[in-house]
């Protein structure tokens, strides 16, 4: 049994689509689960409750954590660490392997251009400190011999959901005939992880015994494109006007008075005011899986816009 905790998110859905290539025994866990494949088992659970986590994990060979809690620091402080502790305890109890889907928030902000699995850990945001704590618990469980674990780490998402920055700020605006929008700087490099690639990569890792005990970067486009470059390419695909507006950092505080999400994004703005390039060569060399070409990623977003 392959169990996905948080199966309704962008990565969870893509993971379910890819796992069917390895097994028909897939359990989708969330508050209101919906089948992705005909043979899926749907399991309704509130994953903030330890007993429900344990019930969801019971009988699993591999457990995949792709859950995403609301993007609020206060919520993350309350939920993330207890949740992962309960997952690890349940995996230990039921002898299940654990695949944790992670982000780059714990990386040193001064080493974002060329991020690898060896990039220094130095979180400077509250969200980054929480994610560092969670990842450390996952790794320590493996080091102690309690649970076989691995971490699959991704860059910002390229997909068709609101938590994809290029989709929500460029694609959707150009579709409406509005200028694309970006944060902090338009001339800084920023690459992405295409969620269908992430789903396929996580499924592969979860079915590769010697992948456990390590951190793996998910396949991500290697090109060094800036917000200006992305906007031009997406505008061309849409047949739209190539217009881009940049929200400067100094505007985030006053906007936060009216838009609470800006308060949450402000501490992460350093990811946009400097070059941000995510290196997935370790995974690609080990498994021979390259990311989907950029033109195909853009076509996918335009098609689903």
C-alpha atoms as a PDB file:
ATOM      1  CA  UNK A   1       0.000   0.000   0.000  1.00  0.00           C
ATOM      2  CA  UNK A   2       1.317   3.433  -1.024  1.00  0.00           C
ATOM      3  CA  UNK A   3      -0.333   6.136   1.104  1.00  0.00           C
ATOM      4  CA  UNK A   4      -0.374   9.837   0.248  1.00  0.00           C
ATOM      5  CA  UNK A   5      -0.997  12.179   3.170  1.00  0.00           C
ATOM      6  CA  UNK A   6      -2.336  15.363   1.636  1.00  0.00           C
ATOM      7  CA  UNK A   7      -3.421  13.805  -1.640  1.00  0.00           C
ATOM      8  CA  UNK A   8      -5.473  16.739  -2.901  1.00  0.00           C
ATOM      9  CA  UNK A   9      -2.651  19.220  -3.454  1.00  0.00           C
ATOM     10  CA  UNK A  10      -0.765  19.943  -6.653  1.00  0.00           C
ATOM     11  CA  UNK A  11       1.995  17.411  -5.920  1.00  0.00           C
ATOM     12  CA  UNK A  12      -0.248  14.841  -4.246  1.00  0.00           C
ATOM     13  CA  UNK A  13      -2.454  14.575  -7.319  1.00  0.00           C
ATOM     14  CA  UNK A  14       0.492  14.258  -9.692  1.00  0.00           C
ATOM     15  CA  UNK A  15       2.068  11.672  -7.398  1.00  0.00           C
ATOM     16  CA  UNK A  16      -1.088   9.551  -7.494  1.00  0.00           C
ATOM     17  CA  UNK A  17      -1.063   9.660 -11.294  1.00  0.00           C
ATOM     18  CA  UNK A  18       2.533   8.402 -11.331  1.00  0.00           C
ATOM     19  CA  UNK A  19       2.278   5.808  -8.554  1.00  0.00           C
ATOM     20  CA  UNK A  20      -0.194   3.776 -10.594  1.00  0.00           C
ATOM     21  CA  UNK A  21       2.788   2.715 -12.723  1.00  0.00           C
ATOM     22  CA  UNK A  22       4.169   0.902  -9.661  1.00  0.00           C
ATOM     23  CA  UNK A  23       1.123  -0.318  -7.764  1.00  0.00           C
ATOM     24  CA  UNK A  24      -2.659  -0.361  -7.845  1.00  0.00           C
ATOM     25  CA  UNK A  25      -2.707  -0.200  -4.036  1.00  0.00           C
ATOM     26  CA  UNK A  26      -2.828   3.561  -3.497  1.00  0.00           C
ATOM     27  CA  UNK A  27      -4.500   5.234  -0.530  1.00  0.00           C
ATOM     28  CA  UNK A  28      -5.434   8.900  -0.876  1.00  0.00           C
ATOM     29  CA  UNK A  29      -5.751  10.684   2.464  1.00  0.00           C
ATOM     30  CA  UNK A  30      -7.227  14.130   3.089  1.00  0.00           C
ATOM     31  CA  UNK A  31     -10.383  15.641   4.566  1.00  0.00           C
ATOM     32  CA  UNK A  32     -12.433  15.026   1.431  1.00  0.00           C
ATOM     33  CA  UNK A  33     -10.461  12.664  -0.815  1.00  0.00           C
ATOM     34  CA  UNK A  34     -11.348  12.104  -4.454  1.00  0.00           C
ATOM     35  CA  UNK A  35     -10.083   9.250  -6.585  1.00  0.00           C
ATOM     36  CA  UNK A  36      -7.394   9.981  -9.158  1.00  0.00           C
ATOM     37  CA  UNK A  37      -7.154   6.396 -10.447  1.00  0.00           C
ATOM     38  CA  UNK A  38     -10.026   3.929 -10.597  1.00  0.00           C
ATOM     39  CA  UNK A  39      -8.359   1.567  -8.114  1.00  0.00           C
ATOM     40  CA  UNK A  40      -7.520   4.211  -5.491  1.00  0.00           C
ATOM     41  CA  UNK A  41      -8.660   3.796  -1.905  1.00  0.00           C
ATOM     42  CA  UNK A  42      -9.999   7.066  -0.498  1.00  0.00           C
ATOM     43  CA  UNK A  43      -9.473   7.668   3.207  1.00  0.00           C
ATOM     44  CA  UNK A  44     -11.042  10.717   4.853  1.00  0.00           C
ATOM     45  CA  UNK A  45      -9.020  12.024   7.773  1.00  0.00           C
ATOM     46  CA  UNK A  46      -8.128  15.137   9.701  1.00  0.00           C
ATOM     47  CA  UNK A  47      -4.353  14.848   9.694  1.00  0.00           C
ATOM     48  CA  UNK A  48      -3.935  17.192  12.637  1.00  0.00           C
ATOM     49  CA  UNK A  49      -5.330  14.395  14.859  1.00  0.00           C
ATOM     50  CA  UNK A  50      -2.763  11.739  15.904  1.00  0.00           C
ATOM     51  CA  UNK A  51      -5.262   8.880  15.925  1.00  0.00           C
ATOM     52  CA  UNK A  52      -6.380   9.672  12.401  1.00  0.00           C
ATOM     53  CA  UNK A  53      -2.775   9.881  11.199  1.00  0.00           C
ATOM     54  CA  UNK A  54      -2.113   6.476  12.722  1.00  0.00           C
ATOM     55  CA  UNK A  55      -5.204   4.980  11.108  1.00  0.00           C
ATOM     56  CA  UNK A  56      -4.228   6.405   7.723  1.00  0.00           C
ATOM     57  CA  UNK A  57      -0.700   4.975   7.950  1.00  0.00           C
ATOM     58  CA  UNK A  58      -1.754   1.518   9.162  1.00  0.00           C
ATOM     59  CA  UNK A  59      -1.079  -1.139   6.519  1.00  0.00           C
ATOM     60  CA  UNK A  60       1.177   1.103   4.415  1.00  0.00           C
ATOM     61  CA  UNK A  61       4.481   0.073   2.891  1.00  0.00           C
ATOM     62  CA  UNK A  62       5.414   3.613   1.866  1.00  0.00           C
ATOM     63  CA  UNK A  63       3.929   6.868   3.178  1.00  0.00           C
ATOM     64  CA  UNK A  64       4.287  10.084   1.165  1.00  0.00           C
ATOM     65  CA  UNK A  65       3.846  13.443   2.912  1.00  0.00           C
ATOM     66  CA  UNK A  66       2.679  16.054   0.416  1.00  0.00           C
ATOM     67  CA  UNK A  67       0.360  17.982   2.706  1.00  0.00           C
ATOM     68  CA  UNK A  68       0.341  21.766   2.672  1.00  0.00           C
ATOM     69  CA  UNK A  69      -0.978  23.661   5.692  1.00  0.00           C
ATOM     70  CA  UNK A  70      -2.411  27.186   5.259  1.00  0.00           C
ATOM     71  CA  UNK A  71       0.344  29.675   4.408  1.00  0.00           C
ATOM     72  CA  UNK A  72       0.411  31.409   7.778  1.00  0.00           C
ATOM     73  CA  UNK A  73       3.360  31.387  10.156  1.00  0.00           C
ATOM     74  CA  UNK A  74       1.095  31.050  13.203  1.00  0.00           C
ATOM     75  CA  UNK A  75      -0.568  27.977  11.703  1.00  0.00           C
ATOM     76  CA  UNK A  76       2.760  26.440  10.726  1.00  0.00           C
ATOM     77  CA  UNK A  77       4.087  26.920  14.269  1.00  0.00           C
ATOM     78  CA  UNK A  78       1.060  25.186  15.673  1.00  0.00           C
ATOM     79  CA  UNK A  79       0.726  22.279  13.253  1.00  0.00           C
ATOM     80  CA  UNK A  80       3.875  21.260  11.390  1.00  0.00           C
ATOM     81  CA  UNK A  81       6.116  19.783  14.102  1.00  0.00           C
ATOM     82  CA  UNK A  82       3.376  17.823  15.949  1.00  0.00           C
ATOM     83  CA  UNK A  83       2.102  16.521  12.618  1.00  0.00           C
ATOM     84  CA  UNK A  84       5.463  15.173  11.440  1.00  0.00           C
ATOM     85  CA  UNK A  85       6.138  13.692  14.885  1.00  0.00           C
ATOM     86  CA  UNK A  86       2.858  11.790  14.655  1.00  0.00           C
ATOM     87  CA  UNK A  87       3.656  10.629  11.112  1.00  0.00           C
ATOM     88  CA  UNK A  88       7.108   9.380  12.126  1.00  0.00           C
ATOM     89  CA  UNK A  89       5.668   7.578  15.175  1.00  0.00           C
ATOM     90  CA  UNK A  90       2.994   5.918  13.018  1.00  0.00           C
ATOM     91  CA  UNK A  91       5.506   4.874  10.365  1.00  0.00           C
ATOM     92  CA  UNK A  92       7.719   3.393  13.077  1.00  0.00           C
ATOM     93  CA  UNK A  93       4.756   1.546  14.609  1.00  0.00           C
ATOM     94  CA  UNK A  94       3.584   0.113  11.286  1.00  0.00           C
ATOM     95  CA  UNK A  95       7.047  -0.382   9.754  1.00  0.00           C
ATOM     96  CA  UNK A  96       6.355   1.936   6.832  1.00  0.00           C
ATOM     97  CA  UNK A  97       8.914   3.931   4.844  1.00  0.00           C
ATOM     98  CA  UNK A  98       8.511   7.703   4.740  1.00  0.00           C
ATOM     99  CA  UNK A  99       8.958  10.050   1.767  1.00  0.00           C
ATOM    100  CA  UNK A 100       8.802  13.709   2.794  1.00  0.00           C
ATOM    101  CA  UNK A 101       8.140  16.336   0.128  1.00  0.00           C
ATOM    102  CA  UNK A 102       9.986  19.505   1.092  1.00  0.00           C
ATOM    103  CA  UNK A 103      10.836  23.042  -0.044  1.00  0.00           C
ATOM    104  CA  UNK A 104      13.964  25.238   0.084  1.00  0.00           C
ATOM    105  CA  UNK A 105      12.986  27.628   2.863  1.00  0.00           C
ATOM    106  CA  UNK A 106      15.761  26.418   5.180  1.00  0.00           C
ATOM    107  CA  UNK A 107      18.575  27.159   2.725  1.00  0.00           C
ATOM    108  CA  UNK A 108      20.991  30.017   3.365  1.00  0.00           C
ATOM    109  CA  UNK A 109      19.675  33.088   1.553  1.00  0.00           C
ATOM    110  CA  UNK A 110      23.219  33.873   0.419  1.00  0.00           C
ATOM    111  CA  UNK A 111      23.484  30.556  -1.478  1.00  0.00           C
ATOM    112  CA  UNK A 112      20.335  30.504  -3.612  1.00  0.00           C
ATOM    113  CA  UNK A 113      22.144  30.734  -6.950  1.00  0.00           C
ATOM    114  CA  UNK A 114      23.076  27.110  -7.573  1.00  0.00           C
ATOM    115  CA  UNK A 115      21.181  25.320  -4.794  1.00  0.00           C
ATOM    116  CA  UNK A 116      22.167  21.660  -4.401  1.00  0.00           C
ATOM    117  CA  UNK A 117      21.517  19.042  -1.750  1.00  0.00           C
ATOM    118  CA  UNK A 118      24.691  20.349  -0.048  1.00  0.00           C
ATOM    119  CA  UNK A 119      23.598  23.989   0.164  1.00  0.00           C
ATOM    120  CA  UNK A 120      24.167  25.377   3.689  1.00  0.00           C
ATOM    121  CA  UNK A 121      21.182  25.280   6.036  1.00  0.00           C
ATOM    122  CA  UNK A 122      20.597  28.703   7.583  1.00  0.00           C
ATOM    123  CA  UNK A 123      16.935  29.662   7.748  1.00  0.00           C
ATOM    124  CA  UNK A 124      16.361  33.375   8.336  1.00  0.00           C
ATOM    125  CA  UNK A 125      12.560  33.389   8.150  1.00  0.00           C
ATOM    126  CA  UNK A 126      10.121  31.954  10.684  1.00  0.00           C
ATOM    127  CA  UNK A 127       8.679  29.616   8.055  1.00  0.00           C
ATOM    128  CA  UNK A 128      12.193  28.509   7.133  1.00  0.00           C
ATOM    129  CA  UNK A 129      13.016  27.695  10.754  1.00  0.00           C
ATOM    130  CA  UNK A 130       9.899  25.552  11.005  1.00  0.00           C
ATOM    131  CA  UNK A 131      10.710  23.676   7.800  1.00  0.00           C
ATOM    132  CA  UNK A 132      14.298  23.132   8.950  1.00  0.00           C
ATOM    133  CA  UNK A 133      13.014  21.619  12.201  1.00  0.00           C
ATOM    134  CA  UNK A 134      10.617  19.316  10.370  1.00  0.00           C
ATOM    135  CA  UNK A 135      13.262  18.132   7.881  1.00  0.00           C
ATOM    136  CA  UNK A 136      15.701  17.490  10.721  1.00  0.00           C
ATOM    137  CA  UNK A 137      13.164  15.265  12.501  1.00  0.00           C
ATOM    138  CA  UNK A 138      12.673  13.280   9.297  1.00  0.00           C
ATOM    139  CA  UNK A 139      16.409  12.796   8.821  1.00  0.00           C
ATOM    140  CA  UNK A 140      17.029  11.943  12.484  1.00  0.00           C
ATOM    141  CA  UNK A 141      14.407   9.190  12.322  1.00  0.00           C
ATOM    142  CA  UNK A 142      16.472   7.549   9.586  1.00  0.00           C
ATOM    143  CA  UNK A 143      19.804   8.121  11.326  1.00  0.00           C
ATOM    144  CA  UNK A 144      18.466   6.492  14.487  1.00  0.00           C
ATOM    145  CA  UNK A 145      17.241   3.484  12.527  1.00  0.00           C
ATOM    146  CA  UNK A 146      13.629   4.146  13.484  1.00  0.00           C
ATOM    147  CA  UNK A 147      12.154   4.709  10.015  1.00  0.00           C
ATOM    148  CA  UNK A 148      13.541   4.560   6.486  1.00  0.00           C
ATOM    149  CA  UNK A 149      13.096   8.118   5.238  1.00  0.00           C
ATOM    150  CA  UNK A 150      14.072  10.330   2.338  1.00  0.00           C
ATOM    151  CA  UNK A 151      13.482  13.967   1.481  1.00  0.00           C
ATOM    152  CA  UNK A 152      12.325  15.053  -1.970  1.00  0.00           C
ATOM    153  CA  UNK A 153      12.957  18.791  -2.191  1.00  0.00           C
ATOM    154  CA  UNK A 154      11.503  21.106  -4.827  1.00  0.00           C
ATOM    155  CA  UNK A 155      11.906  24.678  -6.015  1.00  0.00           C
ATOM    156  CA  UNK A 156       8.897  26.963  -6.424  1.00  0.00           C
ATOM    157  CA  UNK A 157       6.094  25.274  -8.356  1.00  0.00           C
ATOM    158  CA  UNK A 158       5.320  25.540 -12.029  1.00  0.00           C
ATOM    159  CA  UNK A 159       1.733  24.306 -12.312  1.00  0.00           C
ATOM    160  CA  UNK A 160      -1.871  25.465 -12.668  1.00  0.00           C
ATOM    161  CA  UNK A 161      -2.821  26.116  -9.046  1.00  0.00           C
ATOM    162  CA  UNK A 162      -2.791  29.358  -7.014  1.00  0.00           C
ATOM    163  CA  UNK A 163       0.401  28.352  -5.161  1.00  0.00           C
ATOM    164  CA  UNK A 164       2.314  28.558  -8.450  1.00  0.00           C
ATOM    165  CA  UNK A 165       3.800  32.050  -8.641  1.00  0.00           C
ATOM    166  CA  UNK A 166       4.270  32.140 -12.439  1.00  0.00           C
ATOM    167  CA  UNK A 167       0.725  30.877 -12.972  1.00  0.00           C
ATOM    168  CA  UNK A 168      -1.025  33.219 -10.544  1.00  0.00           C
ATOM    169  CA  UNK A 169       1.017  36.342 -11.327  1.00  0.00           C
ATOM    170  CA  UNK A 170       1.898  35.932 -15.012  1.00  0.00           C
ATOM    171  CA  UNK A 171      -0.407  33.437 -16.740  1.00  0.00           C
ATOM    172  CA  UNK A 172      -3.677  34.497 -15.136  1.00  0.00           C
ATOM    173  CA  UNK A 173      -2.973  38.212 -15.587  1.00  0.00           C
ATOM    174  CA  UNK A 174      -1.958  37.897 -19.231  1.00  0.00           C
ATOM    175  CA  UNK A 175      -5.054  35.783 -19.867  1.00  0.00           C
ATOM    176  CA  UNK A 176      -7.183  38.670 -18.566  1.00  0.00           C
ATOM    177  CA  UNK A 177      -5.323  41.192 -20.707  1.00  0.00           C
ATOM    178  CA  UNK A 178      -3.576  42.651 -17.672  1.00  0.00           C
ATOM    179  CA  UNK A 179       0.172  43.154 -17.187  1.00  0.00           C
ATOM    180  CA  UNK A 180       2.033  40.278 -15.574  1.00  0.00           C
ATOM    181  CA  UNK A 181       3.194  40.915 -12.019  1.00  0.00           C
ATOM    182  CA  UNK A 182       6.307  39.943 -10.095  1.00  0.00           C
ATOM    183  CA  UNK A 183       7.925  40.592  -6.735  1.00  0.00           C
ATOM    184  CA  UNK A 184      11.020  42.658  -5.900  1.00  0.00           C
ATOM    185  CA  UNK A 185      13.031  42.492  -9.157  1.00  0.00           C
ATOM    186  CA  UNK A 186      12.333  41.589 -12.766  1.00  0.00           C
ATOM    187  CA  UNK A 187      15.931  40.872 -13.798  1.00  0.00           C
ATOM    188  CA  UNK A 188      16.818  38.120 -11.314  1.00  0.00           C
ATOM    189  CA  UNK A 189      17.028  34.463 -12.316  1.00  0.00           C
ATOM    190  CA  UNK A 190      14.281  32.204 -10.971  1.00  0.00           C
ATOM    191  CA  UNK A 191      13.688  28.598 -11.986  1.00  0.00           C
ATOM    192  CA  UNK A 192      10.913  26.195 -11.056  1.00  0.00           C
ATOM    193  CA  UNK A 193       9.837  22.604 -10.487  1.00  0.00           C
ATOM    194  CA  UNK A 194       7.061  21.437 -12.816  1.00  0.00           C
ATOM    195  CA  UNK A 195       4.632  19.527 -10.596  1.00  0.00           C
ATOM    196  CA  UNK A 196       4.033  16.635 -13.058  1.00  0.00           C
ATOM    197  CA  UNK A 197       7.822  16.096 -13.012  1.00  0.00           C
ATOM    198  CA  UNK A 198       7.798  16.223  -9.208  1.00  0.00           C
ATOM    199  CA  UNK A 199       5.017  13.634  -9.025  1.00  0.00           C
ATOM    200  CA  UNK A 200       6.892  11.243 -11.301  1.00  0.00           C
ATOM    201  CA  UNK A 201      10.164  11.775  -9.426  1.00  0.00           C
ATOM    202  CA  UNK A 202       8.649  11.219  -5.978  1.00  0.00           C
ATOM    203  CA  UNK A 203       6.945   8.017  -7.146  1.00  0.00           C
ATOM    204  CA  UNK A 204      10.265   6.767  -8.497  1.00  0.00           C
ATOM    205  CA  UNK A 205      12.097   7.591  -5.268  1.00  0.00           C
ATOM    206  CA  UNK A 206       9.493   5.874  -3.128  1.00  0.00           C
ATOM    207  CA  UNK A 207       9.995   2.707  -5.144  1.00  0.00           C
ATOM    208  CA  UNK A 208      13.812   2.773  -5.059  1.00  0.00           C
ATOM    209  CA  UNK A 209      15.206   1.148  -1.907  1.00  0.00           C
ATOM    210  CA  UNK A 210      18.669   2.701  -2.088  1.00  0.00           C
ATOM    211  CA  UNK A 211      17.242   6.220  -2.451  1.00  0.00           C
ATOM    212  CA  UNK A 212      16.318   6.293   1.229  1.00  0.00           C
ATOM    213  CA  UNK A 213      18.543   8.071   3.692  1.00  0.00           C
ATOM    214  CA  UNK A 214      19.225  10.951   1.302  1.00  0.00           C
ATOM    215  CA  UNK A 215      17.948  14.336   0.150  1.00  0.00           C
ATOM    216  CA  UNK A 216      16.990  14.571  -3.535  1.00  0.00           C
ATOM    217  CA  UNK A 217      16.274  17.707  -5.551  1.00  0.00           C
ATOM    218  CA  UNK A 218      13.329  17.299  -7.888  1.00  0.00           C
ATOM    219  CA  UNK A 219      13.902  17.774 -11.646  1.00  0.00           C
ATOM    220  CA  UNK A 220      13.807  21.511 -12.394  1.00  0.00           C
ATOM    221  CA  UNK A 221      14.410  23.501 -15.541  1.00  0.00           C
ATOM    222  CA  UNK A 222      18.127  24.368 -15.797  1.00  0.00           C
ATOM    223  CA  UNK A 223      17.709  27.510 -17.918  1.00  0.00           C
ATOM    224  CA  UNK A 224      18.606  30.809 -16.269  1.00  0.00           C
ATOM    225  CA  UNK A 225      15.466  32.802 -17.010  1.00  0.00           C
ATOM    226  CA  UNK A 226      14.375  36.015 -15.300  1.00  0.00           C
ATOM    227  CA  UNK A 227      10.839  37.255 -14.678  1.00  0.00           C
ATOM    228  CA  UNK A 228      11.199  39.308 -17.860  1.00  0.00           C
ATOM    229  CA  UNK A 229      12.149  36.166 -19.792  1.00  0.00           C
ATOM    230  CA  UNK A 230       9.257  34.135 -18.373  1.00  0.00           C
ATOM    231  CA  UNK A 231       6.782  36.894 -19.138  1.00  0.00           C
ATOM    232  CA  UNK A 232       7.997  37.213 -22.723  1.00  0.00           C
ATOM    233  CA  UNK A 233       7.753  33.464 -23.332  1.00  0.00           C
ATOM    234  CA  UNK A 234       4.303  33.135 -21.756  1.00  0.00           C
ATOM    235  CA  UNK A 235       3.012  36.236 -23.560  1.00  0.00           C
ATOM    236  CA  UNK A 236       4.192  34.783 -26.857  1.00  0.00           C
ATOM    237  CA  UNK A 237       2.423  31.488 -26.114  1.00  0.00           C
ATOM    238  CA  UNK A 238      -0.785  33.374 -25.299  1.00  0.00           C
ATOM    239  CA  UNK A 239      -0.487  35.829 -28.145  1.00  0.00           C
ATOM    240  CA  UNK A 240      -0.753  38.504 -25.458  1.00  0.00           C
ATOM    241  CA  UNK A 241       1.023  41.827 -24.934  1.00  0.00           C
ATOM    242  CA  UNK A 242       4.348  41.469 -23.158  1.00  0.00           C
ATOM    243  CA  UNK A 243       3.834  43.725 -20.128  1.00  0.00           C
ATOM    244  CA  UNK A 244       5.309  43.270 -16.671  1.00  0.00           C
ATOM    245  CA  UNK A 245       4.807  45.191 -13.438  1.00  0.00           C
ATOM    246  CA  UNK A 246       7.082  44.719 -10.408  1.00  0.00           C
ATOM    247  CA  UNK A 247       5.945  45.175  -6.816  1.00  0.00           C
ATOM    248  CA  UNK A 248       8.922  46.742  -5.003  1.00  0.00           C
ATOM    249  CA  UNK A 249       9.851  45.448  -1.576  1.00  0.00           C
ATOM    250  CA  UNK A 250       9.089  48.731   0.176  1.00  0.00           C
ATOM    251  CA  UNK A 251       5.431  48.451  -0.874  1.00  0.00           C
ATOM    252  CA  UNK A 252       4.845  45.141   0.890  1.00  0.00           C
ATOM    253  CA  UNK A 253       4.385  46.604   4.365  1.00  0.00           C
ATOM    254  CA  UNK A 254       1.614  49.088   3.470  1.00  0.00           C
ATOM    255  CA  UNK A 255      -0.058  46.518   1.232  1.00  0.00           C
ATOM    256  CA  UNK A 256      -0.009  44.107   4.151  1.00  0.00           C
ATOM    257  CA  UNK A 257      -2.415  46.416   5.964  1.00  0.00           C
ATOM    258  CA  UNK A 258      -5.051  45.572   3.371  1.00  0.00           C
ATOM    259  CA  UNK A 259      -3.843  42.218   2.014  1.00  0.00           C
ATOM    260  CA  UNK A 260      -2.871  39.801   4.820  1.00  0.00           C
ATOM    261  CA  UNK A 261      -1.096  37.460   2.390  1.00  0.00           C
ATOM    262  CA  UNK A 262       1.528  40.174   1.846  1.00  0.00           C
ATOM    263  CA  UNK A 263       2.476  39.948   5.516  1.00  0.00           C
ATOM    264  CA  UNK A 264       3.139  36.227   5.023  1.00  0.00           C
ATOM    265  CA  UNK A 265       5.124  36.678   1.807  1.00  0.00           C
ATOM    266  CA  UNK A 266       7.245  39.567   3.070  1.00  0.00           C
ATOM    267  CA  UNK A 267       9.686  37.397   5.050  1.00  0.00           C
ATOM    268  CA  UNK A 268      10.273  35.271   1.936  1.00  0.00           C
ATOM    269  CA  UNK A 269      10.901  38.210  -0.414  1.00  0.00           C
ATOM    270  CA  UNK A 270      14.640  37.453  -0.390  1.00  0.00           C
ATOM    271  CA  UNK A 271      13.862  34.597  -2.799  1.00  0.00           C
ATOM    272  CA  UNK A 272      12.963  37.196  -5.429  1.00  0.00           C
ATOM    273  CA  UNK A 273      15.481  40.005  -4.899  1.00  0.00           C
ATOM    274  CA  UNK A 274      18.456  37.825  -5.923  1.00  0.00           C
ATOM    275  CA  UNK A 275      19.211  35.021  -8.372  1.00  0.00           C
ATOM    276  CA  UNK A 276      17.396  31.802  -7.405  1.00  0.00           C
ATOM    277  CA  UNK A 277      18.552  28.727  -9.279  1.00  0.00           C
ATOM    278  CA  UNK A 278      17.776  25.178  -8.178  1.00  0.00           C
ATOM    279  CA  UNK A 279      20.124  22.386  -9.300  1.00  0.00           C
ATOM    280  CA  UNK A 280      18.644  18.903  -9.762  1.00  0.00           C
ATOM    281  CA  UNK A 281      21.637  17.264 -11.431  1.00  0.00           C
ATOM    282  CA  UNK A 282      22.091  14.663  -8.668  1.00  0.00           C
ATOM    283  CA  UNK A 283      18.648  13.184  -9.347  1.00  0.00           C
ATOM    284  CA  UNK A 284      18.934  13.494 -13.107  1.00  0.00           C
ATOM    285  CA  UNK A 285      22.297  11.718 -13.202  1.00  0.00           C
ATOM    286  CA  UNK A 286      21.144   8.951 -10.879  1.00  0.00           C
ATOM    287  CA  UNK A 287      17.835   8.245 -12.608  1.00  0.00           C
ATOM    288  CA  UNK A 288      18.266   9.647 -16.125  1.00  0.00           C
ATOM    289  CA  UNK A 289      15.091  11.706 -15.778  1.00  0.00           C
ATOM    290  CA  UNK A 290      15.249  15.219 -17.221  1.00  0.00           C
ATOM    291  CA  UNK A 291      12.683  17.947 -16.538  1.00  0.00           C
ATOM    292  CA  UNK A 292       9.940  18.630 -19.061  1.00  0.00           C
ATOM    293  CA  UNK A 293      11.121  21.235 -21.616  1.00  0.00           C
ATOM    294  CA  UNK A 294      10.121  24.786 -20.719  1.00  0.00           C
ATOM    295  CA  UNK A 295       8.074  25.254 -23.877  1.00  0.00           C
ATOM    296  CA  UNK A 296       5.975  22.216 -22.934  1.00  0.00           C
ATOM    297  CA  UNK A 297       5.536  23.457 -19.375  1.00  0.00           C
ATOM    298  CA  UNK A 298       4.299  26.807 -20.653  1.00  0.00           C
ATOM    299  CA  UNK A 299       1.985  25.147 -23.180  1.00  0.00           C
ATOM    300  CA  UNK A 300       0.531  23.059 -20.356  1.00  0.00           C
ATOM    301  CA  UNK A 301      -0.198  26.151 -18.248  1.00  0.00           C
ATOM    302  CA  UNK A 302      -1.681  28.061 -21.163  1.00  0.00           C
ATOM    303  CA  UNK A 303      -3.873  25.103 -22.085  1.00  0.00           C
ATOM    304  CA  UNK A 304      -5.258  24.834 -18.555  1.00  0.00           C
ATOM    305  CA  UNK A 305      -5.624  28.575 -17.935  1.00  0.00           C
END
